[in-house]
């Protein structure tokens, strides 16, 4: 326990006014159509524009696309990581804003190309999702239910809801 606290203390020390920090995405309200695992764990770095060391709260200069989502720019130190110059080993995607577009339209589908299959597991269902990256993964209904791709897949199978899909789909 002591070790973790020592690290936390050092992090707090390096979070200074005017310095850069990465922000954890774990509590951000990001568009629900975007699958969680495709969101980088940290985004930024952003400049620290005010800090309250007593309660470990820091305000970041967030870009407009985050402020537009009504994300409050004040965060607890535990959600921040100091940006260490050229620390590529820890943050290979340090220019997160460069490749990760938050977009204006929360309903727009970002990464899913289409659903290419399904399988029933007991009373639940999983879908074979083809991503824009051409990668294919099995995803639970929870990750797919808001996707337009699911509507298209159901239409293709002349089904109005997932429970009506044929029980045997293509071989897994």
N, C-alpha and C. Protein backbone atom coordinates (compact mmCIF):
# COMPACT_ATOMS: atom_id res chain seq x y z
N UNK A 1 0.84 -1.19 0.00
CA UNK A 1 0.00 0.00 0.00
C UNK A 1 0.88 1.24 0.00
N UNK A 2 1.89 1.21 0.82
CA UNK A 2 2.78 2.38 0.96
C UNK A 2 3.38 2.76 -0.40
N UNK A 3 3.77 1.74 -1.15
CA UNK A 3 4.40 1.99 -2.45
C UNK A 3 3.48 2.77 -3.40
N UNK A 4 2.24 2.32 -3.47
CA UNK A 4 1.27 3.00 -4.36
C UNK A 4 1.10 4.46 -3.95
N UNK A 5 1.03 4.68 -2.64
CA UNK A 5 0.88 6.06 -2.17
C UNK A 5 2.09 6.92 -2.51
N UNK A 6 3.26 6.30 -2.44
CA UNK A 6 4.49 7.03 -2.78
C UNK A 6 4.42 7.47 -4.25
N UNK A 7 3.97 6.55 -5.11
CA UNK A 7 3.84 6.89 -6.53
C UNK A 7 2.82 7.99 -6.75
N UNK A 8 1.70 7.86 -6.07
CA UNK A 8 0.63 8.86 -6.20
C UNK A 8 1.17 10.23 -5.82
N UNK A 9 1.90 10.25 -4.70
CA UNK A 9 2.48 11.50 -4.24
C UNK A 9 3.38 12.12 -5.31
N UNK A 10 4.21 11.29 -5.92
CA UNK A 10 5.10 11.80 -6.96
C UNK A 10 4.30 12.34 -8.14
N UNK A 11 3.23 11.63 -8.51
CA UNK A 11 2.38 12.11 -9.61
C UNK A 11 1.82 13.49 -9.28
N UNK A 12 1.29 13.60 -8.06
CA UNK A 12 0.72 14.89 -7.65
C UNK A 12 1.76 15.99 -7.75
N UNK A 13 2.99 15.67 -7.34
CA UNK A 13 4.05 16.67 -7.37
C UNK A 13 4.34 17.13 -8.80
N UNK A 14 4.21 16.22 -9.75
CA UNK A 14 4.54 16.59 -11.12
C UNK A 14 3.37 17.26 -11.85
N UNK A 15 2.20 17.25 -11.23
CA UNK A 15 1.05 17.92 -11.84
C UNK A 15 1.10 19.38 -11.40
N UNK A 16 1.64 20.22 -12.26
CA UNK A 16 1.84 21.62 -11.89
C UNK A 16 1.14 22.52 -12.89
N UNK A 17 0.79 23.69 -12.44
CA UNK A 17 0.22 24.71 -13.31
C UNK A 17 1.12 24.89 -14.54
N UNK A 18 0.48 24.90 -15.71
CA UNK A 18 1.26 25.13 -16.93
C UNK A 18 1.89 23.88 -17.52
N UNK A 19 1.93 22.77 -16.74
CA UNK A 19 2.48 21.52 -17.26
C UNK A 19 1.37 20.78 -18.00
N UNK A 20 1.77 19.73 -18.71
CA UNK A 20 0.80 18.93 -19.47
C UNK A 20 0.46 17.65 -18.72
N UNK A 21 -0.80 17.22 -18.85
CA UNK A 21 -1.22 15.97 -18.23
C UNK A 21 -2.11 15.20 -19.20
N UNK A 22 -2.01 13.87 -19.12
CA UNK A 22 -2.94 13.01 -19.86
C UNK A 22 -4.16 12.78 -18.99
N UNK A 23 -5.30 12.63 -19.65
CA UNK A 23 -6.56 12.45 -18.93
C UNK A 23 -7.08 11.04 -19.18
N UNK A 24 -7.43 10.34 -18.11
CA UNK A 24 -8.03 9.02 -18.24
C UNK A 24 -9.43 9.15 -18.84
N UNK A 25 -9.78 8.27 -19.74
CA UNK A 25 -11.12 8.33 -20.35
C UNK A 25 -12.14 7.53 -19.57
N UNK A 26 -11.74 6.93 -18.43
CA UNK A 26 -12.65 5.96 -17.80
C UNK A 26 -13.97 6.57 -17.36
N UNK A 27 -13.98 7.84 -16.95
CA UNK A 27 -15.25 8.42 -16.49
C UNK A 27 -15.87 9.41 -17.47
N UNK A 28 -15.31 9.51 -18.65
CA UNK A 28 -15.85 10.50 -19.59
C UNK A 28 -17.13 9.99 -20.23
N UNK A 29 -18.08 10.89 -20.42
CA UNK A 29 -19.30 10.46 -21.10
C UNK A 29 -19.07 10.64 -22.60
N UNK A 30 -18.59 9.58 -23.21
CA UNK A 30 -18.29 9.62 -24.64
C UNK A 30 -19.43 8.95 -25.39
N UNK A 31 -19.51 9.17 -26.68
CA UNK A 31 -20.66 8.64 -27.44
C UNK A 31 -20.83 7.15 -27.23
N UNK A 32 -22.05 6.74 -27.01
CA UNK A 32 -22.29 5.35 -26.64
C UNK A 32 -22.12 4.40 -27.82
N UNK A 33 -22.24 4.92 -29.03
CA UNK A 33 -22.09 4.05 -30.20
C UNK A 33 -20.65 3.58 -30.36
N UNK A 34 -19.75 4.22 -29.69
CA UNK A 34 -18.35 3.85 -29.83
C UNK A 34 -18.03 2.75 -28.83
N UNK A 35 -17.50 1.65 -29.31
CA UNK A 35 -17.19 0.56 -28.38
C UNK A 35 -16.09 1.00 -27.43
N UNK A 36 -16.28 0.68 -26.16
CA UNK A 36 -15.35 1.07 -25.12
C UNK A 36 -13.90 0.76 -25.46
N UNK A 37 -13.67 -0.46 -25.97
CA UNK A 37 -12.29 -0.87 -26.11
C UNK A 37 -11.54 -0.10 -27.18
N UNK A 38 -12.26 0.65 -28.00
CA UNK A 38 -11.58 1.40 -29.05
C UNK A 38 -11.23 2.80 -28.60
N UNK A 39 -11.60 3.13 -27.38
CA UNK A 39 -11.26 4.45 -26.87
C UNK A 39 -9.92 4.33 -26.16
N UNK A 40 -8.98 5.20 -26.49
CA UNK A 40 -7.69 5.10 -25.80
C UNK A 40 -7.88 5.29 -24.29
N UNK A 41 -7.04 4.65 -23.50
CA UNK A 41 -7.18 4.77 -22.04
C UNK A 41 -6.91 6.20 -21.57
N UNK A 42 -6.00 6.87 -22.27
CA UNK A 42 -5.69 8.26 -21.93
C UNK A 42 -5.75 9.10 -23.19
N UNK A 43 -6.18 10.34 -23.02
CA UNK A 43 -6.16 11.28 -24.13
C UNK A 43 -5.37 12.51 -23.71
N UNK A 44 -4.98 13.29 -24.68
CA UNK A 44 -4.22 14.48 -24.34
C UNK A 44 -2.87 14.44 -25.03
N UNK A 45 -1.88 15.07 -24.43
CA UNK A 45 -1.92 15.76 -23.15
C UNK A 45 -2.55 17.15 -23.25
N UNK A 46 -3.10 17.61 -22.13
CA UNK A 46 -3.71 18.93 -22.06
C UNK A 46 -3.00 19.75 -20.98
N UNK A 47 -3.03 21.05 -21.17
CA UNK A 47 -2.36 21.92 -20.21
C UNK A 47 -3.18 22.04 -18.92
N UNK A 48 -2.49 22.03 -17.79
CA UNK A 48 -3.14 22.25 -16.49
C UNK A 48 -3.27 23.77 -16.31
N UNK A 49 -4.51 24.25 -16.24
CA UNK A 49 -4.70 25.70 -16.15
C UNK A 49 -5.06 26.17 -14.74
N UNK A 50 -5.39 25.23 -13.85
CA UNK A 50 -5.47 25.63 -12.44
C UNK A 50 -5.37 24.38 -11.59
N UNK A 51 -4.91 24.53 -10.38
CA UNK A 51 -4.81 23.35 -9.52
C UNK A 51 -5.08 23.72 -8.08
N UNK A 52 -5.74 22.78 -7.41
CA UNK A 52 -6.02 22.92 -6.00
C UNK A 52 -5.35 21.73 -5.32
N UNK A 53 -4.15 21.92 -4.83
CA UNK A 53 -3.38 20.80 -4.27
C UNK A 53 -4.03 20.22 -3.01
N UNK A 54 -4.77 21.07 -2.27
CA UNK A 54 -5.40 20.58 -1.03
C UNK A 54 -6.32 19.40 -1.33
N UNK A 55 -7.16 19.54 -2.36
CA UNK A 55 -8.08 18.43 -2.64
C UNK A 55 -7.71 17.69 -3.92
N UNK A 56 -6.50 17.94 -4.43
CA UNK A 56 -5.98 17.23 -5.61
C UNK A 56 -6.87 17.40 -6.85
N UNK A 57 -7.47 18.58 -7.01
CA UNK A 57 -8.28 18.81 -8.20
C UNK A 57 -7.55 19.74 -9.17
N UNK A 58 -7.62 19.37 -10.44
CA UNK A 58 -6.89 20.11 -11.48
C UNK A 58 -7.84 20.44 -12.61
N UNK A 59 -7.68 21.63 -13.16
CA UNK A 59 -8.50 22.02 -14.31
C UNK A 59 -7.62 21.97 -15.55
N UNK A 60 -8.12 21.31 -16.58
CA UNK A 60 -7.36 21.17 -17.83
C UNK A 60 -7.94 22.07 -18.91
N UNK A 61 -7.07 22.48 -19.82
CA UNK A 61 -7.52 23.22 -21.01
C UNK A 61 -8.01 22.19 -22.02
N UNK A 62 -9.28 21.83 -21.91
CA UNK A 62 -9.82 20.80 -22.80
C UNK A 62 -10.15 21.40 -24.16
N UNK A 63 -10.05 20.57 -25.22
CA UNK A 63 -10.45 21.07 -26.54
C UNK A 63 -11.97 21.24 -26.63
N UNK A 64 -12.39 22.07 -27.57
CA UNK A 64 -13.82 22.35 -27.72
C UNK A 64 -14.67 21.11 -27.87
N UNK A 65 -14.16 20.09 -28.58
CA UNK A 65 -15.05 18.94 -28.80
C UNK A 65 -15.39 18.23 -27.49
N UNK A 66 -14.55 18.36 -26.48
CA UNK A 66 -14.91 17.78 -25.19
C UNK A 66 -15.81 18.72 -24.41
N UNK A 67 -15.50 20.01 -24.45
CA UNK A 67 -16.34 20.97 -23.72
C UNK A 67 -17.76 20.95 -24.28
N UNK A 68 -17.89 20.77 -25.59
CA UNK A 68 -19.22 20.71 -26.22
C UNK A 68 -20.03 19.55 -25.67
N UNK A 69 -19.34 18.52 -25.22
CA UNK A 69 -20.05 17.37 -24.64
C UNK A 69 -20.37 17.61 -23.18
N UNK A 70 -20.20 18.85 -22.73
CA UNK A 70 -20.46 19.23 -21.34
C UNK A 70 -19.60 18.44 -20.36
N UNK A 71 -18.40 18.12 -20.78
CA UNK A 71 -17.47 17.47 -19.86
C UNK A 71 -16.83 18.56 -19.02
N UNK A 72 -16.98 18.46 -17.72
CA UNK A 72 -16.46 19.49 -16.83
C UNK A 72 -14.94 19.37 -16.80
N UNK A 73 -14.22 20.47 -16.97
CA UNK A 73 -12.76 20.36 -17.14
C UNK A 73 -11.96 20.16 -15.85
N UNK A 74 -12.64 19.97 -14.70
CA UNK A 74 -11.89 19.76 -13.47
C UNK A 74 -11.86 18.27 -13.13
N UNK A 75 -10.65 17.76 -12.82
CA UNK A 75 -10.50 16.33 -12.58
C UNK A 75 -9.65 16.08 -11.35
N UNK A 76 -9.93 14.96 -10.69
CA UNK A 76 -9.11 14.55 -9.57
C UNK A 76 -7.77 14.00 -10.10
N UNK A 77 -6.73 14.20 -9.29
CA UNK A 77 -5.39 13.76 -9.70
C UNK A 77 -5.35 12.29 -10.10
N UNK A 78 -6.21 11.46 -9.51
CA UNK A 78 -6.11 10.04 -9.83
C UNK A 78 -6.50 9.74 -11.28
N UNK A 79 -7.19 10.68 -11.94
CA UNK A 79 -7.54 10.48 -13.35
C UNK A 79 -6.50 11.08 -14.29
N UNK A 80 -5.46 11.66 -13.71
CA UNK A 80 -4.45 12.33 -14.54
C UNK A 80 -3.11 11.61 -14.43
N UNK A 81 -2.36 11.71 -15.51
CA UNK A 81 -0.98 11.24 -15.51
C UNK A 81 -0.12 12.38 -16.03
N UNK A 82 0.92 12.72 -15.30
CA UNK A 82 1.78 13.80 -15.81
C UNK A 82 2.34 13.39 -17.16
N UNK A 83 2.43 14.34 -18.07
CA UNK A 83 3.03 14.05 -19.37
C UNK A 83 4.53 14.23 -19.22
N UNK A 84 5.25 13.14 -19.39
CA UNK A 84 6.71 13.21 -19.27
C UNK A 84 7.22 13.34 -20.70
N UNK A 85 8.05 14.31 -20.98
CA UNK A 85 8.50 14.51 -22.36
C UNK A 85 9.04 13.21 -22.95
N UNK A 86 8.57 12.91 -24.15
CA UNK A 86 9.05 11.74 -24.89
C UNK A 86 8.95 10.42 -24.15
N UNK A 87 7.90 10.29 -23.38
CA UNK A 87 7.72 9.04 -22.64
C UNK A 87 6.94 8.06 -23.51
N UNK A 88 7.47 7.73 -24.66
CA UNK A 88 6.71 6.91 -25.60
C UNK A 88 6.48 5.49 -25.15
N UNK A 89 7.32 5.00 -24.26
CA UNK A 89 7.11 3.63 -23.80
C UNK A 89 5.77 3.51 -23.09
N UNK A 90 5.41 4.53 -22.28
CA UNK A 90 4.15 4.47 -21.56
C UNK A 90 2.97 4.89 -22.41
N UNK A 91 3.21 5.82 -23.33
CA UNK A 91 2.10 6.35 -24.12
C UNK A 91 2.45 6.32 -25.59
N UNK A 92 2.43 5.13 -26.19
CA UNK A 92 2.79 5.08 -27.61
C UNK A 92 1.85 5.95 -28.44
N UNK A 93 0.62 6.15 -27.96
CA UNK A 93 -0.33 6.97 -28.72
C UNK A 93 -0.43 8.35 -28.11
N UNK A 94 0.71 8.96 -27.88
CA UNK A 94 0.68 10.21 -27.12
C UNK A 94 -0.12 11.29 -27.83
N UNK A 95 -0.18 11.25 -29.15
CA UNK A 95 -0.95 12.28 -29.84
C UNK A 95 -2.38 11.78 -30.03
N UNK A 96 -3.03 11.45 -28.94
CA UNK A 96 -4.35 10.82 -29.06
C UNK A 96 -5.31 11.67 -29.87
N UNK A 97 -5.26 12.98 -29.71
CA UNK A 97 -6.21 13.82 -30.43
C UNK A 97 -6.01 13.68 -31.93
N UNK A 98 -4.81 13.31 -32.31
CA UNK A 98 -4.49 13.23 -33.73
C UNK A 98 -5.29 12.11 -34.40
N UNK A 99 -5.42 10.96 -33.71
CA UNK A 99 -6.11 9.87 -34.38
C UNK A 99 -7.51 9.63 -33.82
N UNK A 100 -7.84 10.24 -32.72
CA UNK A 100 -9.12 9.94 -32.11
C UNK A 100 -10.03 11.14 -32.25
N UNK A 101 -11.04 11.01 -33.08
CA UNK A 101 -11.92 12.12 -33.37
C UNK A 101 -13.18 11.97 -32.55
N UNK A 102 -13.43 12.91 -31.64
CA UNK A 102 -14.62 12.79 -30.81
C UNK A 102 -15.89 13.08 -31.59
N UNK A 103 -15.74 13.87 -32.65
CA UNK A 103 -16.88 14.09 -33.53
C UNK A 103 -17.98 14.91 -32.90
N UNK A 104 -18.89 15.39 -33.73
CA UNK A 104 -19.98 16.22 -33.24
C UNK A 104 -21.22 15.40 -33.04
N UNK A 105 -21.31 14.28 -33.73
CA UNK A 105 -22.57 13.57 -33.77
C UNK A 105 -22.48 12.29 -32.97
N UNK A 106 -23.05 12.30 -31.76
CA UNK A 106 -22.92 11.11 -30.92
C UNK A 106 -23.59 9.89 -31.52
N UNK A 107 -24.49 10.07 -32.48
CA UNK A 107 -25.16 8.90 -33.04
C UNK A 107 -24.40 8.33 -34.25
N UNK A 108 -23.41 9.06 -34.72
CA UNK A 108 -22.71 8.55 -35.89
C UNK A 108 -21.93 7.30 -35.53
N UNK A 109 -21.91 6.36 -36.43
CA UNK A 109 -21.21 5.13 -36.15
C UNK A 109 -19.77 5.28 -36.58
N UNK A 110 -18.86 5.05 -35.67
CA UNK A 110 -17.48 5.36 -35.97
C UNK A 110 -16.72 4.24 -36.54
N UNK A 111 -16.84 3.12 -35.94
CA UNK A 111 -15.83 2.13 -36.19
C UNK A 111 -16.39 0.84 -36.71
N UNK A 112 -17.71 0.70 -36.67
CA UNK A 112 -18.29 -0.57 -37.11
C UNK A 112 -18.64 -0.48 -38.58
N UNK A 113 -18.14 -1.43 -39.35
CA UNK A 113 -18.51 -1.48 -40.76
C UNK A 113 -19.85 -2.20 -40.89
N UNK A 114 -19.91 -3.42 -40.38
CA UNK A 114 -21.16 -4.17 -40.44
C UNK A 114 -21.11 -5.34 -39.46
N UNK A 115 -22.25 -5.95 -39.28
CA UNK A 115 -22.33 -7.17 -38.48
C UNK A 115 -22.40 -8.32 -39.49
N UNK A 116 -21.55 -9.30 -39.32
CA UNK A 116 -21.45 -10.35 -40.35
C UNK A 116 -21.92 -11.72 -39.86
N UNK A 117 -22.30 -11.80 -38.60
CA UNK A 117 -22.78 -13.10 -38.12
C UNK A 117 -23.30 -12.98 -36.70
N UNK A 118 -23.89 -14.06 -36.20
CA UNK A 118 -24.34 -14.06 -34.81
C UNK A 118 -24.29 -15.47 -34.27
N UNK A 119 -24.30 -15.59 -32.97
CA UNK A 119 -24.41 -16.91 -32.34
C UNK A 119 -25.17 -16.75 -31.04
N UNK A 120 -26.03 -17.72 -30.77
CA UNK A 120 -26.77 -17.71 -29.51
C UNK A 120 -25.94 -18.45 -28.47
N UNK A 121 -25.92 -17.89 -27.27
CA UNK A 121 -25.26 -18.56 -26.15
C UNK A 121 -26.31 -18.59 -25.06
N UNK A 122 -26.94 -19.76 -24.90
CA UNK A 122 -28.07 -19.85 -23.98
C UNK A 122 -29.14 -18.87 -24.44
N UNK A 123 -29.54 -17.96 -23.54
CA UNK A 123 -30.59 -17.00 -23.90
C UNK A 123 -30.03 -15.67 -24.37
N UNK A 124 -28.71 -15.59 -24.49
CA UNK A 124 -28.16 -14.33 -24.98
C UNK A 124 -27.56 -14.54 -26.36
N UNK A 125 -27.10 -13.48 -26.93
CA UNK A 125 -26.61 -13.54 -28.31
C UNK A 125 -25.34 -12.72 -28.41
N UNK A 126 -24.45 -13.15 -29.30
CA UNK A 126 -23.26 -12.36 -29.61
C UNK A 126 -23.25 -12.12 -31.11
N UNK A 127 -22.65 -11.02 -31.51
CA UNK A 127 -22.59 -10.69 -32.92
C UNK A 127 -21.14 -10.63 -33.38
N UNK A 128 -20.94 -11.08 -34.61
CA UNK A 128 -19.64 -11.02 -35.24
C UNK A 128 -19.56 -9.65 -35.91
N UNK A 129 -18.73 -8.78 -35.36
CA UNK A 129 -18.69 -7.39 -35.82
C UNK A 129 -17.46 -7.16 -36.70
N UNK A 130 -17.71 -6.61 -37.88
CA UNK A 130 -16.61 -6.22 -38.77
C UNK A 130 -16.36 -4.73 -38.57
N UNK A 131 -15.17 -4.40 -38.09
CA UNK A 131 -14.82 -3.00 -37.81
C UNK A 131 -14.26 -2.35 -39.07
N UNK A 132 -14.25 -1.02 -39.05
CA UNK A 132 -13.66 -0.29 -40.18
C UNK A 132 -12.19 -0.65 -40.35
N UNK A 133 -11.58 -1.12 -39.28
CA UNK A 133 -10.16 -1.51 -39.36
C UNK A 133 -10.01 -2.87 -40.05
N UNK A 134 -11.13 -3.48 -40.43
CA UNK A 134 -11.21 -4.83 -41.04
C UNK A 134 -11.05 -5.94 -40.02
N UNK A 135 -10.89 -5.60 -38.77
CA UNK A 135 -10.78 -6.61 -37.72
C UNK A 135 -12.20 -7.14 -37.45
N UNK A 136 -12.30 -8.42 -37.08
CA UNK A 136 -13.61 -8.99 -36.75
C UNK A 136 -13.57 -9.51 -35.32
N UNK A 137 -14.55 -9.10 -34.51
CA UNK A 137 -14.59 -9.58 -33.13
C UNK A 137 -16.02 -9.96 -32.75
N UNK A 138 -16.14 -10.87 -31.80
CA UNK A 138 -17.45 -11.19 -31.23
C UNK A 138 -17.77 -10.16 -30.17
N UNK A 139 -18.96 -9.59 -30.23
CA UNK A 139 -19.34 -8.57 -29.27
C UNK A 139 -20.70 -8.93 -28.69
N UNK A 140 -20.90 -8.71 -27.38
CA UNK A 140 -22.22 -8.99 -26.79
C UNK A 140 -23.26 -7.99 -27.29
N UNK A 141 -24.51 -8.37 -27.16
CA UNK A 141 -25.62 -7.50 -27.56
C UNK A 141 -25.46 -6.10 -26.99
N UNK A 142 -25.04 -6.03 -25.72
CA UNK A 142 -24.84 -4.75 -25.04
C UNK A 142 -24.02 -3.76 -25.87
N UNK A 143 -22.97 -4.26 -26.54
CA UNK A 143 -22.11 -3.38 -27.33
C UNK A 143 -22.71 -3.06 -28.70
N UNK A 144 -23.73 -3.81 -29.11
CA UNK A 144 -24.24 -3.67 -30.48
C UNK A 144 -25.61 -3.05 -30.55
N UNK A 145 -26.33 -3.02 -29.41
CA UNK A 145 -27.76 -2.71 -29.51
C UNK A 145 -28.05 -1.31 -30.04
N UNK A 146 -27.11 -0.38 -29.91
CA UNK A 146 -27.38 0.97 -30.42
C UNK A 146 -26.80 1.21 -31.81
N UNK A 147 -26.27 0.17 -32.42
CA UNK A 147 -25.62 0.36 -33.71
C UNK A 147 -26.61 0.25 -34.87
N UNK A 148 -26.47 1.15 -35.82
CA UNK A 148 -27.27 1.05 -37.04
C UNK A 148 -26.96 -0.26 -37.75
N UNK A 149 -25.73 -0.74 -37.60
CA UNK A 149 -25.34 -2.00 -38.25
C UNK A 149 -26.24 -3.15 -37.80
N UNK A 150 -26.70 -3.12 -36.56
CA UNK A 150 -27.57 -4.18 -36.07
C UNK A 150 -28.93 -4.12 -36.78
N UNK A 151 -29.44 -2.90 -36.94
CA UNK A 151 -30.71 -2.75 -37.67
C UNK A 151 -30.59 -3.34 -39.08
N UNK A 152 -29.47 -3.04 -39.73
CA UNK A 152 -29.28 -3.56 -41.10
C UNK A 152 -29.18 -5.07 -41.09
N UNK A 153 -28.49 -5.62 -40.08
CA UNK A 153 -28.32 -7.07 -40.00
C UNK A 153 -29.67 -7.76 -39.80
N UNK A 154 -30.50 -7.20 -38.92
CA UNK A 154 -31.82 -7.78 -38.67
C UNK A 154 -32.68 -7.73 -39.94
N UNK A 155 -32.61 -6.58 -40.63
CA UNK A 155 -33.37 -6.43 -41.87
C UNK A 155 -32.99 -7.51 -42.87
N UNK A 156 -31.70 -7.73 -42.98
CA UNK A 156 -31.15 -8.72 -43.90
C UNK A 156 -31.72 -10.10 -43.60
N UNK A 157 -31.96 -10.36 -42.32
CA UNK A 157 -32.48 -11.67 -41.90
C UNK A 157 -34.00 -11.63 -41.72
N UNK A 158 -34.64 -10.58 -42.22
CA UNK A 158 -36.10 -10.42 -42.11
C UNK A 158 -36.57 -10.63 -40.68
N UNK A 159 -35.81 -10.10 -39.73
CA UNK A 159 -36.18 -10.23 -38.32
C UNK A 159 -36.41 -8.85 -37.75
N UNK A 160 -37.40 -8.72 -36.85
CA UNK A 160 -37.62 -7.40 -36.28
C UNK A 160 -36.84 -7.22 -34.99
N UNK A 161 -36.49 -8.35 -34.33
CA UNK A 161 -35.63 -8.22 -33.14
C UNK A 161 -34.69 -9.41 -33.06
N UNK A 162 -33.65 -9.24 -32.26
CA UNK A 162 -32.60 -10.26 -32.26
C UNK A 162 -33.09 -11.65 -31.88
N UNK A 163 -34.13 -11.69 -31.02
CA UNK A 163 -34.63 -13.01 -30.60
C UNK A 163 -35.22 -13.80 -31.77
N UNK A 164 -35.58 -13.08 -32.85
CA UNK A 164 -36.16 -13.77 -34.01
C UNK A 164 -35.12 -14.28 -34.99
N UNK A 165 -33.85 -14.01 -34.73
CA UNK A 165 -32.81 -14.46 -35.66
C UNK A 165 -32.75 -15.99 -35.66
N UNK A 166 -32.36 -16.57 -36.80
CA UNK A 166 -32.27 -18.03 -36.85
C UNK A 166 -31.27 -18.53 -35.80
N UNK A 167 -31.62 -19.65 -35.18
CA UNK A 167 -30.80 -20.18 -34.10
C UNK A 167 -29.45 -20.69 -34.60
N UNK A 168 -29.42 -21.24 -35.78
CA UNK A 168 -28.12 -21.69 -36.27
C UNK A 168 -27.65 -20.66 -37.30
N UNK A 169 -26.50 -20.06 -37.03
CA UNK A 169 -25.99 -19.09 -38.00
C UNK A 169 -24.76 -19.73 -38.65
N UNK A 170 -23.97 -18.93 -39.34
CA UNK A 170 -22.80 -19.53 -40.00
C UNK A 170 -21.86 -20.13 -38.98
N UNK A 171 -21.07 -21.09 -39.43
CA UNK A 171 -20.17 -21.80 -38.52
C UNK A 171 -19.21 -20.83 -37.84
N UNK A 172 -18.98 -21.09 -36.55
CA UNK A 172 -18.07 -20.19 -35.83
C UNK A 172 -16.66 -20.76 -35.89
